[in-house]
Amino acid sequence: PPPFWRRFMPQGAPPVSGETTLVLDNRDYQNL
């Protein structure tokens, strides 16, 4: 079970769509 204090933490803002993050680049290797 999660820690008891986590129940009282404020809820974060609802997520938005379209937030893009780079995971793996092609600097030395070509990704297939």
Full PDB file with SEQRES, HELIX, SHEET, SSBOND, CRYST1, ORIGX, SCALE, CONECT and MASTER records, all heavy atoms in Angstrom:
SEQRES   1 A   32  PRO PRO PRO PHE TRP ARG ARG PHE MET PRO GLN GLY ALA          
SEQRES   2 A   32  PRO PRO VAL SER GLY GLU THR THR LEU VAL LEU ASP ASN          
SEQRES   3 A   32  ARG ASP TYR GLN ASN LEU                                      
HELIX    1 AA1 PHE A    4  PHE A    8  5                                   5    
CRYST1    1.000    1.000    1.000  90.00  90.00  90.00 P 1           1          
ORIGX1      1.000000  0.000000  0.000000        0.00000                         
ORIGX2      0.000000  1.000000  0.000000        0.00000                         
ORIGX3      0.000000  0.000000  1.000000        0.00000                         
SCALE1      1.000000  0.000000  0.000000        0.00000                         
SCALE2      0.000000  1.000000  0.000000        0.00000                         
SCALE3      0.000000  0.000000  1.000000        0.00000                         
ATOM      1  N   PRO A   1       0.838  -1.211   0.000  1.00  0.00           N  
ATOM      2  CA  PRO A   1       0.000   0.000   0.000  1.00  0.00           C  
ATOM      3  C   PRO A   1       0.866   1.252   0.000  1.00  0.00           C  
ATOM      4  O   PRO A   1       1.975   1.261   0.536  1.00  0.00           O  
ATOM      5  CB  PRO A   1      -0.804  -0.143   1.305  1.00  0.00           C  
ATOM      6  CG  PRO A   1       0.024  -1.029   2.174  1.00  0.00           C  
ATOM      7  CD  PRO A   1       0.723  -1.980   1.245  1.00  0.00           C  
ATOM      8  N   PRO A   2       0.376   2.335  -0.600  1.00  0.00           N  
ATOM      9  CA  PRO A   2       1.159   3.591  -0.620  1.00  0.00           C  
ATOM     10  C   PRO A   2       1.240   4.180   0.784  1.00  0.00           C  
ATOM     11  O   PRO A   2       0.444   3.859   1.664  1.00  0.00           O  
ATOM     12  CB  PRO A   2       0.343   4.481  -1.562  1.00  0.00           C  
ATOM     13  CG  PRO A   2      -1.056   3.944  -1.488  1.00  0.00           C  
ATOM     14  CD  PRO A   2      -0.915   2.465  -1.284  1.00  0.00           C  
ATOM     15  N   PRO A   3       2.211   5.038   1.024  1.00  0.00           N  
ATOM     16  CA  PRO A   3       2.315   5.685   2.335  1.00  0.00           C  
ATOM     17  C   PRO A   3       1.047   6.453   2.686  1.00  0.00           C  
ATOM     18  O   PRO A   3       0.371   7.003   1.808  1.00  0.00           O  
ATOM     19  CB  PRO A   3       3.519   6.624   2.168  1.00  0.00           C  
ATOM     20  CG  PRO A   3       4.293   6.066   1.013  1.00  0.00           C  
ATOM     21  CD  PRO A   3       3.291   5.435   0.099  1.00  0.00           C  
ATOM     22  N   PHE A   4       0.765   6.503   3.996  1.00  0.00           N  
ATOM     23  CA  PHE A   4      -0.467   7.138   4.442  1.00  0.00           C  
ATOM     24  C   PHE A   4      -0.485   8.628   4.087  1.00  0.00           C  
ATOM     25  O   PHE A   4      -1.534   9.181   3.730  1.00  0.00           O  
ATOM     26  CB  PHE A   4      -0.605   6.952   5.965  1.00  0.00           C  
ATOM     27  CG  PHE A   4      -1.836   7.600   6.533  1.00  0.00           C  
ATOM     28  CD1 PHE A   4      -3.074   7.019   6.373  1.00  0.00           C  
ATOM     29  CD2 PHE A   4      -1.752   8.800   7.222  1.00  0.00           C  
ATOM     30  CE1 PHE A   4      -4.214   7.614   6.891  1.00  0.00           C  
ATOM     31  CE2 PHE A   4      -2.878   9.404   7.739  1.00  0.00           C  
ATOM     32  CZ  PHE A   4      -4.119   8.801   7.580  1.00  0.00           C  
ATOM     33  N   TRP A   5       0.686   9.287   4.172  1.00  0.00           N  
ATOM     34  CA  TRP A   5       0.715  10.721   3.925  1.00  0.00           C  
ATOM     35  C   TRP A   5       0.409  11.070   2.479  1.00  0.00           C  
ATOM     36  O   TRP A   5       0.017  12.197   2.174  1.00  0.00           O  
ATOM     37  CB  TRP A   5       2.081  11.292   4.310  1.00  0.00           C  
ATOM     38  CG  TRP A   5       3.240  10.572   3.676  1.00  0.00           C  
ATOM     39  CD1 TRP A   5       3.963   9.561   4.216  1.00  0.00           C  
ATOM     40  CD2 TRP A   5       3.791  10.798   2.372  1.00  0.00           C  
ATOM     41  NE1 TRP A   5       4.945   9.135   3.340  1.00  0.00           N  
ATOM     42  CE2 TRP A   5       4.858   9.882   2.194  1.00  0.00           C  
ATOM     43  CE3 TRP A   5       3.494  11.689   1.342  1.00  0.00           C  
ATOM     44  CZ2 TRP A   5       5.605   9.824   1.044  1.00  0.00           C  
ATOM     45  CZ3 TRP A   5       4.241  11.631   0.177  1.00  0.00           C  
ATOM     46  CH2 TRP A   5       5.290  10.712   0.045  1.00  0.00           C  
ATOM     47  N   ARG A   6       0.567  10.095   1.553  1.00  0.00           N  
ATOM     48  CA  ARG A   6       0.331  10.398   0.143  1.00  0.00           C  
ATOM     49  C   ARG A   6      -1.145  10.684  -0.131  1.00  0.00           C  
ATOM     50  O   ARG A   6      -1.488  11.361  -1.096  1.00  0.00           O  
ATOM     51  CB  ARG A   6       0.825   9.228  -0.710  1.00  0.00           C  
ATOM     52  CG  ARG A   6       0.752   9.490  -2.199  1.00  0.00           C  
ATOM     53  CD  ARG A   6       1.428   8.395  -2.997  1.00  0.00           C  
ATOM     54  NE  ARG A   6       2.869   8.347  -2.723  1.00  0.00           N  
ATOM     55  CZ  ARG A   6       3.689   7.464  -3.268  1.00  0.00           C  
ATOM     56  NH1 ARG A   6       3.211   6.547  -4.098  1.00  0.00           N  
ATOM     57  NH2 ARG A   6       4.973   7.475  -2.976  1.00  0.00           N  
ATOM     58  N   ARG A   7      -2.024  10.187   0.731  1.00  0.00           N  
ATOM     59  CA  ARG A   7      -3.446  10.436   0.523  1.00  0.00           C  
ATOM     60  C   ARG A   7      -3.803  11.904   0.668  1.00  0.00           C  
ATOM     61  O   ARG A   7      -4.807  12.370   0.136  1.00  0.00           O  
ATOM     62  CB  ARG A   7      -4.271   9.612   1.513  1.00  0.00           C  
ATOM     63  CG  ARG A   7      -4.017   8.110   1.439  1.00  0.00           C  
ATOM     64  CD  ARG A   7      -4.847   7.382   2.485  1.00  0.00           C  
ATOM     65  NE  ARG A   7      -4.557   5.954   2.503  1.00  0.00           N  
ATOM     66  CZ  ARG A   7      -5.120   5.092   3.353  1.00  0.00           C  
ATOM     67  NH1 ARG A   7      -6.001   5.524   4.237  1.00  0.00           N  
ATOM     68  NH2 ARG A   7      -4.795   3.810   3.307  1.00  0.00           N  
ATOM     69  N   PHE A   8      -2.982  12.642   1.419  1.00  0.00           N  
ATOM     70  CA  PHE A   8      -3.287  14.044   1.675  1.00  0.00           C  
ATOM     71  C   PHE A   8      -2.554  14.981   0.724  1.00  0.00           C  
ATOM     72  O   PHE A   8      -2.688  16.201   0.851  1.00  0.00           O  
ATOM     73  CB  PHE A   8      -2.915  14.389   3.126  1.00  0.00           C  
ATOM     74  CG  PHE A   8      -3.624  13.532   4.140  1.00  0.00           C  
ATOM     75  CD1 PHE A   8      -2.986  12.430   4.699  1.00  0.00           C  
ATOM     76  CD2 PHE A   8      -4.928  13.807   4.513  1.00  0.00           C  
ATOM     77  CE1 PHE A   8      -3.629  11.630   5.623  1.00  0.00           C  
ATOM     78  CE2 PHE A   8      -5.579  13.014   5.440  1.00  0.00           C  
ATOM     79  CZ  PHE A   8      -4.941  11.922   6.006  1.00  0.00           C  
ATOM     80  N   MET A   9      -1.792  14.413  -0.216  1.00  0.00           N  
ATOM     81  CA  MET A   9      -1.096  15.270  -1.169  1.00  0.00           C  
ATOM     82  C   MET A   9      -2.088  15.848  -2.168  1.00  0.00           C  
ATOM     83  O   MET A   9      -3.025  15.180  -2.597  1.00  0.00           O  
ATOM     84  CB  MET A   9      -0.008  14.474  -1.909  1.00  0.00           C  
ATOM     85  CG  MET A   9       1.140  14.023  -1.038  1.00  0.00           C  
ATOM     86  SD  MET A   9       2.414  13.163  -1.997  1.00  0.00           S  
ATOM     87  CE  MET A   9       2.926  14.459  -3.126  1.00  0.00           C  
ATOM     88  N   PRO A  10      -1.923  17.101  -2.569  1.00  0.00           N  
ATOM     89  CA  PRO A  10      -2.850  17.683  -3.543  1.00  0.00           C  
ATOM     90  C   PRO A  10      -2.712  17.022  -4.904  1.00  0.00           C  
ATOM     91  O   PRO A  10      -1.625  16.610  -5.316  1.00  0.00           O  
ATOM     92  CB  PRO A  10      -2.418  19.160  -3.583  1.00  0.00           C  
ATOM     93  CG  PRO A  10      -0.986  19.144  -3.130  1.00  0.00           C  
ATOM     94  CD  PRO A  10      -0.883  18.029  -2.120  1.00  0.00           C  
ATOM     95  N   GLN A  11      -3.840  16.906  -5.582  1.00  0.00           N  
ATOM     96  CA  GLN A  11      -3.841  16.315  -6.913  1.00  0.00           C  
ATOM     97  C   GLN A  11      -3.221  17.287  -7.912  1.00  0.00           C  
ATOM     98  O   GLN A  11      -3.467  18.503  -7.851  1.00  0.00           O  
ATOM     99  CB  GLN A  11      -5.271  15.972  -7.334  1.00  0.00           C  
ATOM    100  CG  GLN A  11      -5.938  14.940  -6.441  1.00  0.00           C  
ATOM    101  CD  GLN A  11      -5.292  13.574  -6.570  1.00  0.00           C  
ATOM    102  OE1 GLN A  11      -4.743  13.224  -7.615  1.00  0.00           O  
ATOM    103  NE2 GLN A  11      -5.344  12.790  -5.502  1.00  0.00           N  
ATOM    104  N   GLY A  12      -2.403  16.739  -8.821  1.00  0.00           N  
ATOM    105  CA  GLY A  12      -1.781  17.567  -9.830  1.00  0.00           C  
ATOM    106  C   GLY A  12      -2.770  18.019 -10.887  1.00  0.00           C  
ATOM    107  O   GLY A  12      -3.927  17.582 -10.937  1.00  0.00           O  
ATOM    108  N   ALA A  13      -2.323  18.914 -11.720  1.00  0.00           N  
ATOM    109  CA  ALA A  13      -3.171  19.408 -12.797  1.00  0.00           C  
ATOM    110  C   ALA A  13      -3.451  18.295 -13.799  1.00  0.00           C  
ATOM    111  O   ALA A  13      -2.626  17.398 -13.992  1.00  0.00           O  
ATOM    112  CB  ALA A  13      -2.484  20.583 -13.494  1.00  0.00           C  
ATOM    113  N   PRO A  14      -4.622  18.292 -14.420  1.00  0.00           N  
ATOM    114  CA  PRO A  14      -4.927  17.251 -15.407  1.00  0.00           C  
ATOM    115  C   PRO A  14      -3.932  17.298 -16.560  1.00  0.00           C  
ATOM    116  O   PRO A  14      -3.476  18.374 -16.962  1.00  0.00           O  
ATOM    117  CB  PRO A  14      -6.347  17.600 -15.862  1.00  0.00           C  
ATOM    118  CG  PRO A  14      -6.536  19.044 -15.506  1.00  0.00           C  
ATOM    119  CD  PRO A  14      -5.712  19.263 -14.281  1.00  0.00           C  
ATOM    120  N   PRO A  15      -3.563  16.138 -17.102  1.00  0.00           N  
ATOM    121  CA  PRO A  15      -2.561  16.123 -18.176  1.00  0.00           C  
ATOM    122  C   PRO A  15      -3.097  16.763 -19.443  1.00  0.00           C  
ATOM    123  O   PRO A  15      -4.300  16.772 -19.709  1.00  0.00           O  
ATOM    124  CB  PRO A  15      -2.287  14.624 -18.368  1.00  0.00           C  
ATOM    125  CG  PRO A  15      -3.539  13.943 -17.900  1.00  0.00           C  
ATOM    126  CD  PRO A  15      -4.070  14.790 -16.782  1.00  0.00           C  
ATOM    127  N   VAL A  16      -2.192  17.294 -20.218  1.00  0.00           N  
ATOM    128  CA  VAL A  16      -2.542  17.887 -21.502  1.00  0.00           C  
ATOM    129  C   VAL A  16      -1.989  16.987 -22.604  1.00  0.00           C  
ATOM    130  O   VAL A  16      -1.053  16.218 -22.401  1.00  0.00           O  
ATOM    131  CB  VAL A  16      -1.976  19.310 -21.636  1.00  0.00           C  
ATOM    132  CG1 VAL A  16      -2.592  20.219 -20.600  1.00  0.00           C  
ATOM    133  CG2 VAL A  16      -0.456  19.302 -21.495  1.00  0.00           C  
ATOM    134  N   SER A  17      -2.568  17.079 -23.749  1.00  0.00           N  
ATOM    135  CA  SER A  17      -2.131  16.254 -24.877  1.00  0.00           C  
ATOM    136  C   SER A  17      -1.063  16.990 -25.667  1.00  0.00           C  
ATOM    137  O   SER A  17      -0.979  18.225 -25.661  1.00  0.00           O  
ATOM    138  CB  SER A  17      -3.324  15.931 -25.785  1.00  0.00           C  
ATOM    139  OG  SER A  17      -3.878  17.120 -26.318  1.00  0.00           O  
ATOM    140  N   GLY A  18      -0.225  16.212 -26.361  1.00  0.00           N  
ATOM    141  CA  GLY A  18       0.742  16.795 -27.286  1.00  0.00           C  
ATOM    142  C   GLY A  18       2.081  17.160 -26.702  1.00  0.00           C  
ATOM    143  O   GLY A  18       2.888  17.791 -27.389  1.00  0.00           O  
ATOM    144  N   GLU A  19       2.374  16.766 -25.446  1.00  0.00           N  
ATOM    145  CA  GLU A  19       3.694  17.042 -24.870  1.00  0.00           C  
ATOM    146  C   GLU A  19       4.672  15.976 -25.359  1.00  0.00           C  
ATOM    147  O   GLU A  19       4.599  14.819 -24.959  1.00  0.00           O  
ATOM    148  CB  GLU A  19       3.618  17.066 -23.347  1.00  0.00           C  
ATOM    149  CG  GLU A  19       2.816  18.227 -22.789  1.00  0.00           C  
ATOM    150  CD  GLU A  19       2.878  18.284 -21.276  1.00  0.00           C  
ATOM    151  OE1 GLU A  19       3.378  17.311 -20.662  1.00  0.00           O  
ATOM    152  OE2 GLU A  19       2.414  19.290 -20.699  1.00  0.00           O  
ATOM    153  N   THR A  20       5.598  16.368 -26.215  1.00  0.00           N  
ATOM    154  CA  THR A  20       6.519  15.445 -26.872  1.00  0.00           C  
ATOM    155  C   THR A  20       7.870  15.455 -26.166  1.00  0.00           C  
ATOM    156  O   THR A  20       8.393  16.516 -25.831  1.00  0.00           O  
ATOM    157  CB  THR A  20       6.696  15.829 -28.347  1.00  0.00           C  
ATOM    158  OG1 THR A  20       5.416  15.877 -28.977  1.00  0.00           O  
ATOM    159  CG2 THR A  20       7.560  14.809 -29.071  1.00  0.00           C  
ATOM    160  N   THR A  21       8.429  14.251 -25.969  1.00  0.00           N  
ATOM    161  CA  THR A  21       9.725  14.092 -25.315  1.00  0.00           C  
ATOM    162  C   THR A  21      10.592  13.161 -26.156  1.00  0.00           C  
ATOM    163  O   THR A  21      10.139  12.091 -26.575  1.00  0.00           O  
ATOM    164  CB  THR A  21       9.564  13.504 -23.904  1.00  0.00           C  
ATOM    165  OG1 THR A  21       8.680  14.340 -23.140  1.00  0.00           O  
ATOM    166  CG2 THR A  21      10.905  13.395 -23.199  1.00  0.00           C  
ATOM    167  N   LEU A  22      11.836  13.558 -26.396  1.00  0.00           N  
ATOM    168  CA  LEU A  22      12.779  12.720 -27.129  1.00  0.00           C  
ATOM    169  C   LEU A  22      13.264  11.593 -26.225  1.00  0.00           C  
ATOM    170  O   LEU A  22      13.724  11.830 -25.101  1.00  0.00           O  
ATOM    171  CB  LEU A  22      13.960  13.551 -27.622  1.00  0.00           C  
ATOM    172  CG  LEU A  22      15.052  12.806 -28.385  1.00  0.00           C  
ATOM    173  CD1 LEU A  22      14.515  12.223 -29.682  1.00  0.00           C  
ATOM    174  CD2 LEU A  22      16.242  13.721 -28.658  1.00  0.00           C  
ATOM    175  N   VAL A  23      13.187  10.366 -26.717  1.00  0.00           N  
ATOM    176  CA  VAL A  23      13.600   9.189 -25.953  1.00  0.00           C  
ATOM    177  C   VAL A  23      14.944   8.655 -26.435  1.00  0.00           C  
ATOM    178  O   VAL A  23      15.819   8.324 -25.638  1.00  0.00           O  
ATOM    179  CB  VAL A  23      12.526   8.082 -26.033  1.00  0.00           C  
ATOM    180  CG1 VAL A  23      12.993   6.809 -25.335  1.00  0.00           C  
ATOM    181  CG2 VAL A  23      11.215   8.565 -25.424  1.00  0.00           C  
ATOM    182  N   LEU A  24      15.139   8.577 -27.744  1.00  0.00           N  
ATOM    183  CA  LEU A  24      16.365   8.007 -28.315  1.00  0.00           C  
ATOM    184  C   LEU A  24      16.689   8.733 -29.611  1.00  0.00           C  
ATOM    185  O   LEU A  24      15.871   8.761 -30.538  1.00  0.00           O  
ATOM    186  CB  LEU A  24      16.185   6.506 -28.570  1.00  0.00           C  
ATOM    187  CG  LEU A  24      17.399   5.728 -29.052  1.00  0.00           C  
ATOM    188  CD1 LEU A  24      18.504   5.748 -27.998  1.00  0.00           C  
ATOM    189  CD2 LEU A  24      17.021   4.291 -29.377  1.00  0.00           C  
ATOM    190  N   ASP A  25      17.904   9.311 -29.674  1.00  0.00           N  
ATOM    191  CA  ASP A  25      18.280  10.063 -30.864  1.00  0.00           C  
ATOM    192  C   ASP A  25      18.974   9.151 -31.877  1.00  0.00           C  
ATOM    193  O   ASP A  25      19.160   7.960 -31.658  1.00  0.00           O  
ATOM    194  CB  ASP A  25      19.166  11.254 -30.485  1.00  0.00           C  
ATOM    195  CG  ASP A  25      20.456  10.818 -29.787  1.00  0.00           C  
ATOM    196  OD1 ASP A  25      20.991   9.735 -30.105  1.00  0.00           O  
ATOM    197  OD2 ASP A  25      20.926  11.556 -28.890  1.00  0.00           O  
ATOM    198  N   ASN A  26      19.378   9.740 -32.997  1.00  0.00           N  
ATOM    199  CA  ASN A  26      20.037   8.998 -34.082  1.00  0.00           C  
ATOM    200  C   ASN A  26      21.439   9.543 -34.332  1.00  0.00           C  
ATOM    201  O   ASN A  26      21.911   9.544 -35.465  1.00  0.00           O  
ATOM    202  CB  ASN A  26      19.208   9.070 -35.362  1.00  0.00           C  
ATOM    203  CG  ASN A  26      18.970  10.506 -35.804  1.00  0.00           C  
ATOM    204  OD1 ASN A  26      19.391  11.459 -35.136  1.00  0.00           O  
ATOM    205  ND2 ASN A  26      18.288  10.675 -36.927  1.00  0.00           N  
ATOM    206  N   ARG A  27      22.098  10.006 -33.278  1.00  0.00           N  
ATOM    207  CA  ARG A  27      23.382  10.668 -33.454  1.00  0.00           C  
ATOM    208  C   ARG A  27      24.440   9.721 -34.010  1.00  0.00           C  
ATOM    209  O   ARG A  27      25.180  10.086 -34.917  1.00  0.00           O  
ATOM    210  CB  ARG A  27      23.840  11.237 -32.112  1.00  0.00           C  
ATOM    211  CG  ARG A  27      25.148  11.996 -32.166  1.00  0.00           C  
ATOM    212  CD  ARG A  27      25.365  12.726 -30.855  1.00  0.00           C  
ATOM    213  NE  ARG A  27      25.154  11.809 -29.734  1.00  0.00           N  
ATOM    214  CZ  ARG A  27      25.029  12.213 -28.472  1.00  0.00           C  
ATOM    215  NH1 ARG A  27      25.046  13.502 -28.186  1.00  0.00           N  
ATOM    216  NH2 ARG A  27      24.860  11.333 -27.508  1.00  0.00           N  
ATOM    217  N   ASP A  28      24.524   8.500 -33.478  1.00  0.00           N  
ATOM    218  CA  ASP A  28      25.539   7.549 -33.937  1.00  0.00           C  
ATOM    219  C   ASP A  28      24.934   6.324 -34.613  1.00  0.00           C  
ATOM    220  O   ASP A  28      25.611   5.648 -35.387  1.00  0.00           O  
ATOM    221  CB  ASP A  28      26.391   7.081 -32.751  1.00  0.00           C  
ATOM    222  CG  ASP A  28      27.131   8.234 -32.095  1.00  0.00           C  
ATOM    223  OD1 ASP A  28      27.646   9.096 -32.827  1.00  0.00           O  
ATOM    224  OD2 ASP A  28      27.178   8.275 -30.847  1.00  0.00           O  
ATOM    225  N   TYR A  29      23.686   6.015 -34.299  1.00  0.00           N  
ATOM    226  CA  TYR A  29      23.039   4.821 -34.830  1.00  0.00           C  
ATOM    227  C   TYR A  29      21.720   5.193 -35.489  1.00  0.00           C  
ATOM    228  O   TYR A  29      21.000   6.084 -35.030  1.00  0.00           O  
ATOM    229  CB  TYR A  29      22.767   3.794 -33.719  1.00  0.00           C  
ATOM    230  CG  TYR A  29      24.005   3.080 -33.224  1.00  0.00           C  
ATOM    231  CD1 TYR A  29      24.847   3.666 -32.286  1.00  0.00           C  
ATOM    232  CD2 TYR A  29      24.341   1.814 -33.697  1.00  0.00           C  
ATOM    233  CE1 TYR A  29      25.985   3.022 -31.828  1.00  0.00           C  
ATOM    234  CE2 TYR A  29      25.461   1.151 -33.246  1.00  0.00           C  
ATOM    235  CZ  TYR A  29      26.283   1.762 -32.314  1.00  0.00           C  
ATOM    236  OH  TYR A  29      27.411   1.108 -31.868  1.00  0.00           O  
ATOM    237  N   GLN A  30      21.435   4.469 -36.553  1.00  0.00           N  
ATOM    238  CA  GLN A  30      20.143   4.610 -37.211  1.00  0.00           C  
ATOM    239  C   GLN A  30      19.141   3.698 -36.509  1.00  0.00           C  
ATOM    240  O   GLN A  30      19.402   2.521 -36.289  1.00  0.00           O  
ATOM    241  CB  GLN A  30      20.263   4.238 -38.684  1.00  0.00           C  
ATOM    242  CG  GLN A  30      18.952   4.329 -39.447  1.00  0.00           C  
ATOM    243  CD  GLN A  30      19.118   3.879 -40.884  1.00  0.00           C  
ATOM    244  OE1 GLN A  30      20.232   3.680 -41.361  1.00  0.00           O  
ATOM    245  NE2 GLN A  30      18.002   3.709 -41.579  1.00  0.00           N  
ATOM    246  N   ASN A  31      17.993   4.225 -36.147  1.00  0.00           N  
ATOM    247  CA  ASN A  31      16.955   3.465 -35.454  1.00  0.00           C  
ATOM    248  C   ASN A  31      15.975   2.884 -36.464  1.00  0.00           C  
ATOM    249  O   ASN A  31      15.467   3.602 -37.334  1.00  0.00           O  
ATOM    250  CB  ASN A  31      16.207   4.363 -34.462  1.00  0.00           C  
ATOM    251  CG  ASN A  31      17.148   4.982 -33.439  1.00  0.00           C  
ATOM    252  OD1 ASN A  31      17.982   4.298 -32.861  1.00  0.00           O  
ATOM    253  ND2 ASN A  31      17.008   6.281 -33.222  1.00  0.00           N  
ATOM    254  N   LEU A  32      15.697   1.601 -36.323  1.00  0.00           N  
ATOM    255  CA  LEU A  32      14.768   0.927 -37.227  1.00  0.00           C  
ATOM    256  C   LEU A  32      13.537   0.474 -36.442  1.00  0.00           C  
ATOM    257  O   LEU A  32      12.932   1.269 -35.743  1.00  0.00           O  
ATOM    258  CB  LEU A  32      15.476  -0.238 -37.916  1.00  0.00           C  
ATOM    259  CG  LEU A  32      16.735   0.141 -38.730  1.00  0.00           C  
ATOM    260  CD1 LEU A  32      17.398  -1.088 -39.309  1.00  0.00           C  
ATOM    261  CD2 LEU A  32      16.373   1.136 -39.826  1.00  0.00           C  
TER     262      LEU A  32                                                      
MASTER        0    0    0    1    0    0    0    6  261    1    0    3          
END                                                                             
